[in-house]
Structures are given as structure tokens and as C-alpha cells.
C-alpha atoms as a PDB file:
ATOM      1  CA  MET A   1     109.992  81.165-147.624  1.00  0.00           C
ATOM      2  CA  ARG A   2     107.222  81.310-150.208  1.00  0.00           C
ATOM      3  CA  VAL A   3     103.989  79.379-149.723  1.00  0.00           C
ATOM      4  CA  SER A   4     101.435  78.903-152.491  1.00  0.00           C
ATOM      5  CA  ILE A   5      98.104  77.100-152.776  1.00  0.00           C
ATOM      6  CA  GLN A   6      96.982  75.196-155.844  1.00  0.00           C
ATOM      7  CA  ASN A   7      93.932  73.122-156.705  1.00  0.00           C
ATOM      8  CA  VAL A   8      95.253  69.736-157.821  1.00  0.00           C
ATOM      9  CA  ASN A   9      92.593  67.302-159.076  1.00  0.00           C
ATOM     10  CA  GLY A  10      89.905  69.019-157.012  1.00  0.00           C
ATOM     11  CA  GLN A  11      91.952  69.046-153.804  1.00  0.00           C
ATOM     12  CA  PHE A  12      93.766  72.016-152.348  1.00  0.00           C
ATOM     13  CA  CYS A  13      97.500  71.535-151.924  1.00  0.00           C
ATOM     14  CA  TYR A  14     100.106  73.950-150.699  1.00  0.00           C
ATOM     15  CA  MET A  15     103.691  74.200-151.801  1.00  0.00           C
ATOM     16  CA  LEU A  16     106.232  74.717-149.067  1.00  0.00           C
ATOM     17  CA  SER A  17     109.969  74.693-149.778  1.00  0.00           C
ATOM     18  CA  GLY A  18     109.370  73.349-153.286  1.00  0.00           C
ATOM     19  CA  LYS A  19     107.241  70.399-152.146  1.00  0.00           C
ATOM     20  CA  PHE A  20     103.481  70.001-152.637  1.00  0.00           C
ATOM     21  CA  LEU A  21     101.602  68.834-149.566  1.00  0.00           C
ATOM     22  CA  ASN A  22      98.017  67.634-149.704  1.00  0.00           C
ATOM     23  CA  LEU A  23      95.944  69.453-147.101  1.00  0.00           C
ATOM     24  CA  ARG A  24      94.007  66.295-146.256  1.00  0.00           C
ATOM     25  CA  GLU A  25      97.303  64.648-145.320  1.00  0.00           C
ATOM     26  CA  ARG A  26      98.333  67.740-143.354  1.00  0.00           C
ATOM     27  CA  TRP A  27      95.112  67.975-141.323  1.00  0.00           C
ATOM     28  CA  GLY A  28      93.996  64.332-141.478  1.00  0.00           C
ATOM     29  CA  HIS A  29      91.283  62.580-143.483  1.00  0.00           C
ATOM     30  CA  ALA A  30      88.583  63.043-140.857  1.00  0.00           C
ATOM     31  CA  ARG A  31      88.636  66.813-141.302  1.00  0.00           C
ATOM     32  CA  ALA A  32      86.651  68.435-144.099  1.00  0.00           C
ATOM     33  CA  GLU A  33      88.469  70.394-146.778  1.00  0.00           C
ATOM     34  CA  PRO A  34      89.708  73.677-145.233  1.00  0.00           C
ATOM     35  CA  THR A  35      88.105  76.931-146.275  1.00  0.00           C
ATOM     36  CA  LYS A  36      89.936  79.585-148.229  1.00  0.00           C
ATOM     37  CA  GLU A  37      90.092  81.721-145.067  1.00  0.00           C
ATOM     38  CA  GLU A  38      91.720  78.847-143.132  1.00  0.00           C
ATOM     39  CA  LEU A  39      94.266  78.394-145.899  1.00  0.00           C
ATOM     40  CA  LEU A  40      95.093  82.099-145.996  1.00  0.00           C
ATOM     41  CA  ALA A  41      95.450  82.131-142.200  1.00  0.00           C
ATOM     42  CA  ARG A  42      97.796  79.126-142.385  1.00  0.00           C
ATOM     43  CA  ILE A  43      99.878  80.842-145.081  1.00  0.00           C
ATOM     44  CA  ALA A  44     100.126  83.984-142.962  1.00  0.00           C
ATOM     45  CA  GLU A  45     101.208  81.891-139.964  1.00  0.00           C
ATOM     46  CA  LEU A  46     103.903  80.073-141.981  1.00  0.00           C
ATOM     47  CA  GLU A  47     105.206  83.293-143.507  1.00  0.00           C
ATOM     48  CA  LYS A  48     105.362  84.893-140.061  1.00  0.00           C
ATOM     49  CA  GLN A  49     107.325  81.913-138.722  1.00  0.00           C
ATOM     50  CA  ALA A  50     109.696  82.021-141.697  1.00  0.00           C
ATOM     51  CA  GLY A  51     110.220  85.764-141.272  1.00  0.00           C
ATOM     52  CA  ALA A  52     110.933  85.401-137.561  1.00  0.00           C
ATOM     53  CA  LYS A  53     113.539  82.719-138.213  1.00  0.00           C
ATOM     54  CA  LYS A  54     115.325  84.850-140.773  1.00  0.00           C
ATOM     55  CA  SER A  55     115.270  88.059-138.751  1.00  0.00           C
ATOM     56  CA  GLY A  56     117.038  86.600-135.711  1.00  0.00           C
ATOM     57  CA  ARG A  57     114.431  88.217-133.486  1.00  0.00           C
ATOM     58  CA  ILE A  58     113.745  86.836-130.044  1.00  0.00           C
ATOM     59  CA  GLU A  59     110.088  86.024-129.346  1.00  0.00           C
ATOM     60  CA  PHE A  60     108.292  84.977-126.183  1.00  0.00           C
ATOM     61  CA  LYS A  61     105.273  82.682-126.004  1.00  0.00           C
ATOM     62  CA  VAL A  62     103.300  80.982-123.253  1.00  0.00           C
ATOM     63  CA  SER A  63     103.527  77.217-123.717  1.00  0.00           C
ATOM     64  CA  GLU A  64     100.601  74.811-123.459  1.00  0.00           C
ATOM     65  CA  LYS A  65     101.758  73.832-119.964  1.00  0.00           C
ATOM     66  CA  GLY A  66     102.044  77.426-118.754  1.00  0.00           C
ATOM     67  CA  GLY A  67     105.764  77.974-119.153  1.00  0.00           C
ATOM     68  CA  VAL A  68     107.407  80.854-120.981  1.00  0.00           C
ATOM     69  CA  SER A  69     109.227  79.803-124.151  1.00  0.00           C
ATOM     70  CA  VAL A  70     111.920  81.938-125.741  1.00  0.00           C
ATOM     71  CA  TYR A  71     112.312  81.459-129.495  1.00  0.00           C
ATOM     72  CA  GLY A  72     115.183  82.736-131.610  1.00  0.00           C
ATOM     73  CA  LEU A  73     118.184  81.747-129.498  1.00  0.00           C
ATOM     74  CA  GLY A  74     118.826  78.468-131.293  1.00  0.00           C
ATOM     75  CA  ARG A  75     117.126  75.624-133.070  1.00  0.00           C
ATOM     76  CA  PHE A  76     114.837  74.823-130.136  1.00  0.00           C
ATOM     77  CA  PRO A  77     113.022  77.149-127.736  1.00  0.00           C
ATOM     78  CA  VAL A  78     114.142  77.612-124.148  1.00  0.00           C
ATOM     79  CA  THR A  79     111.178  77.033-121.829  1.00  0.00           C
ATOM     80  CA  LEU A  80     111.063  77.739-118.114  1.00  0.00           C
ATOM     81  CA  TYR A  81     108.239  78.305-115.649  1.00  0.00           C
ATOM     82  CA  TYR A  82     107.612  81.725-114.087  1.00  0.00           C
ATOM     83  CA  GLU A  83     109.512  81.001-110.857  1.00  0.00           C
ATOM     84  CA  GLN A  84     112.499  79.686-112.824  1.00  0.00           C
ATOM     85  CA  TRP A  85     112.637  82.848-114.959  1.00  0.00           C
ATOM     86  CA  VAL A  86     112.482  85.023-111.848  1.00  0.00           C
ATOM     87  CA  ARG A  87     115.348  83.062-110.226  1.00  0.00           C
ATOM     88  CA  LEU A  88     117.404  83.310-113.413  1.00  0.00           C
ATOM     89  CA  LEU A  89     116.767  87.047-113.784  1.00  0.00           C
ATOM     90  CA  ASP A  90     117.687  87.587-110.122  1.00  0.00           C
ATOM     91  CA  SER A  91     121.041  85.949-110.933  1.00  0.00           C
ATOM     92  CA  VAL A  92     121.870  87.996-114.038  1.00  0.00           C
ATOM     93  CA  GLU A  93     125.002  89.620-112.575  1.00  0.00           C
ATOM     94  CA  ALA A  94     126.365  86.266-111.356  1.00  0.00           C
ATOM     95  CA  LEU A  95     125.637  84.708-114.772  1.00  0.00           C
ATOM     96  CA  ARG A  96     127.397  87.555-116.617  1.00  0.00           C
ATOM     97  CA  SER A  97     130.403  87.233-114.329  1.00  0.00           C
ATOM     98  CA  PHE A  98     130.499  83.449-114.799  1.00  0.00           C
ATOM     99  CA  LEU A  99     130.328  83.827-118.590  1.00  0.00           C
ATOM    100  CA  GLU A 100     133.177  86.338-118.654  1.00  0.00           C
ATOM    101  CA  ASP A 101     135.317  84.262-116.275  1.00  0.00           C
ATOM    102  CA  ASN A 102     134.867  81.159-118.451  1.00  0.00           C
ATOM    103  CA  LYS A 103     134.818  82.774-121.891  1.00  0.00           C
ATOM    104  CA  SER A 104     138.043  81.038-122.953  1.00  0.00           C
ATOM    105  CA  LYS A 105     136.453  77.628-122.288  1.00  0.00           C
ATOM    106  CA  LEU A 106     133.171  78.378-124.055  1.00  0.00           C
ATOM    107  CA  LYS A 107     132.345  77.791-127.675  1.00  0.00           C
ATOM    108  CA  LEU A 108     131.481  81.110-129.287  1.00  0.00           C
ATOM    109  CA  LYS A 109     129.114  81.057-132.240  1.00  0.00           C
ATOM    110  CA  SER A 110     129.241  83.869-134.755  1.00  0.00           C
ATOM    111  CA  ASN A 111     125.962  85.407-135.924  1.00  0.00           C
ATOM    112  CA  ASP A 112     125.445  84.451-139.555  1.00  0.00           C
END
């Protein structure tokens, strides 16, 4: 994904996926015009997100509520709290066995 910034009629806009977005609309009218450094940081963040989606990498983040979110498995992250992750990891062998026993009933997605 390519992100670019342009000055349109004295206002900074960024193009994302072929669409220009006014930064005032993105951040709200109450906020002052973002600095060049803020814009470059935002571009870097968007490019990192786009790269992660394309690479198929799995990433872990701590959510706002203190859970651990796993990104890269599907469209949405999987978020569990610490104790839930520990319980799940303690049951890895049982989960693997269950998956193998029920493989014929499960929908298998190919990696594109």
C-alpha cells in the first residue's frame, strides 16, 4: 500500500488506496493541522500495518484493556487475558488431538 501526502488548497491531505482524505476530517476539526513529523509518523504506521498484513506474520500486542491480542490469523485479532492464554497453552496437546480427530469436519483454508 502506498501512502502520499499532498497540499490541497492549503490543507494537507493524504492519499490511501487511491482516495484523498483530508487530515482535518481524519483527526477532527478541533485539532490543529498536524505537523510534518506527525504526518511522516502516520505514514510509517500505515505502511507498517500494510506490510504486516501482506507478510502473513503473526504479531502480538497488549490491548487497551490489558489483554493479549494476536494479529495475523484472520481478519480480526484474537484477544484473551493472561490467565486465558495460560489455560489455552496448558491444553495444547489436547487441542492438537481434537483438531486431528475432527479434521474431516473442519473447513480448511489454504494460504493465499
